[in-house]
Every structure is written in structure tokens, then in C-alpha cells.
């Protein structure tokens, strides 16, 4: 979590890629990180999508549109 917080506060726009073996807690780590930052920064727009081997792009776009609608409707 400390590394993720450091990455978040970094001024660069470099992407963060988390890799690891199956069932090692990658998704749990990201969920905890997003939950913590959503609590600390409620004004931020948080959109998370966990890809798979065969992503369904229409689902990704739908999810993004829903998150944008909720974010802008609430503000």
C-alpha cells in the first residue's frame, strides 16, 4: 500500500501495472487501495475495471459511462 500511495502522489503520469501469479491478491490489493482513496478523496472520479483474457469492450465502455453519469449527477 505504501508503494501505491507513493505512485499516487508522484507528479508523473506513468501507468502502474501490477503483476503476479494467480490468486496472490492482486485484485484484493487494488480494491483495498481504491476503497481507501475513495474514502479519503470522495471528490475524485474513481473508475475501476478488471480486465480478463477476452475483455468485452462494450461492458468497459458501459461501466465508464455509468461512473461518469453518477459522478457528474452528484456534483
Protein backbone atom coordinates (compact mmCIF):
# COMPACT_ATOMS: atom_id res chain seq x y z
CA UNK A 1 0.00 0.00 0.00
CA UNK A 2 2.89 2.36 0.72
CA UNK A 3 4.20 1.95 -2.83
CA UNK A 4 0.74 2.60 -4.26
CA UNK A 5 0.40 5.77 -2.19
CA UNK A 6 3.83 6.89 -3.41
CA UNK A 7 2.78 6.21 -7.00
CA UNK A 8 -0.44 8.17 -6.46
CA UNK A 9 1.43 11.22 -5.17
CA UNK A 10 4.02 11.10 -7.97
CA UNK A 11 3.78 14.01 -10.42
CA UNK A 12 4.44 11.82 -13.45
CA UNK A 13 1.68 10.23 -15.47
CA UNK A 14 3.35 6.84 -15.71
CA UNK A 15 0.96 3.91 -15.61
CA UNK A 16 1.05 1.37 -12.82
CA UNK A 17 0.98 -2.29 -13.77
CA UNK A 18 0.55 -4.91 -11.07
CA UNK A 19 1.53 -8.45 -11.99
CA UNK A 20 1.84 -11.70 -10.14
CA UNK A 21 0.88 -15.32 -10.08
CA UNK A 22 -2.73 -16.39 -9.93
CA UNK A 23 -4.53 -15.97 -6.62
CA UNK A 24 -1.82 -13.87 -4.98
CA UNK A 25 -4.10 -10.97 -4.00
CA UNK A 26 -3.53 -8.51 -6.85
CA UNK A 27 -7.23 -7.67 -7.19
CA UNK A 28 -7.67 -7.52 -3.40
CA UNK A 29 -4.75 -5.09 -3.15
CA UNK A 30 -6.21 -2.79 -5.81
CA UNK A 31 -9.71 -2.95 -4.29
CA UNK A 32 -8.35 -2.01 -0.86
CA UNK A 33 -6.30 0.81 -2.40
CA UNK A 34 -9.30 2.18 -4.31
CA UNK A 35 -11.58 1.88 -1.29
CA UNK A 36 -9.10 3.77 0.91
CA UNK A 37 -8.59 6.53 -1.63
CA UNK A 38 -12.31 6.83 -2.36
CA UNK A 39 -12.86 7.42 1.36
CA UNK A 40 -10.01 9.96 1.51
CA UNK A 41 -10.81 11.66 -1.81
CA UNK A 42 -14.54 11.49 -2.38
CA UNK A 43 -14.32 14.32 -4.89
CA UNK A 44 -12.18 12.22 -7.24
CA UNK A 45 -13.70 10.21 -10.04
CA UNK A 46 -12.85 6.54 -9.44
CA UNK A 47 -13.34 4.11 -12.33
CA UNK A 48 -12.01 0.60 -11.92
CA UNK A 49 -12.19 -2.23 -14.40
CA UNK A 50 -10.51 -5.57 -14.02
CA UNK A 51 -9.72 -6.98 -17.43
CA UNK A 52 -9.71 -10.58 -18.42
CA UNK A 53 -8.12 -12.57 -21.20
CA UNK A 54 -11.04 -11.74 -23.50
CA UNK A 55 -12.33 -8.32 -22.44
CA UNK A 56 -15.76 -7.24 -23.57
CA UNK A 57 -15.13 -3.65 -24.58
CA UNK A 58 -18.80 -2.70 -24.68
CA UNK A 59 -19.01 -3.64 -20.98
CA UNK A 60 -15.97 -1.49 -20.20
CA UNK A 61 -17.47 1.50 -22.03
CA UNK A 62 -20.83 1.00 -20.34
CA UNK A 63 -19.16 0.87 -16.92
CA UNK A 64 -17.22 4.07 -17.63
CA UNK A 65 -20.36 5.87 -18.81
CA UNK A 66 -22.28 4.83 -15.69
CA UNK A 67 -19.47 6.02 -13.42
CA UNK A 68 -19.28 9.36 -15.27
CA UNK A 69 -23.05 9.83 -15.03
CA UNK A 70 -23.06 9.10 -11.30
CA UNK A 71 -20.07 11.37 -10.71
CA UNK A 72 -21.42 14.35 -12.63
CA UNK A 73 -25.01 13.88 -11.48
CA UNK A 74 -23.85 14.03 -7.83
CA UNK A 75 -21.73 17.17 -8.31
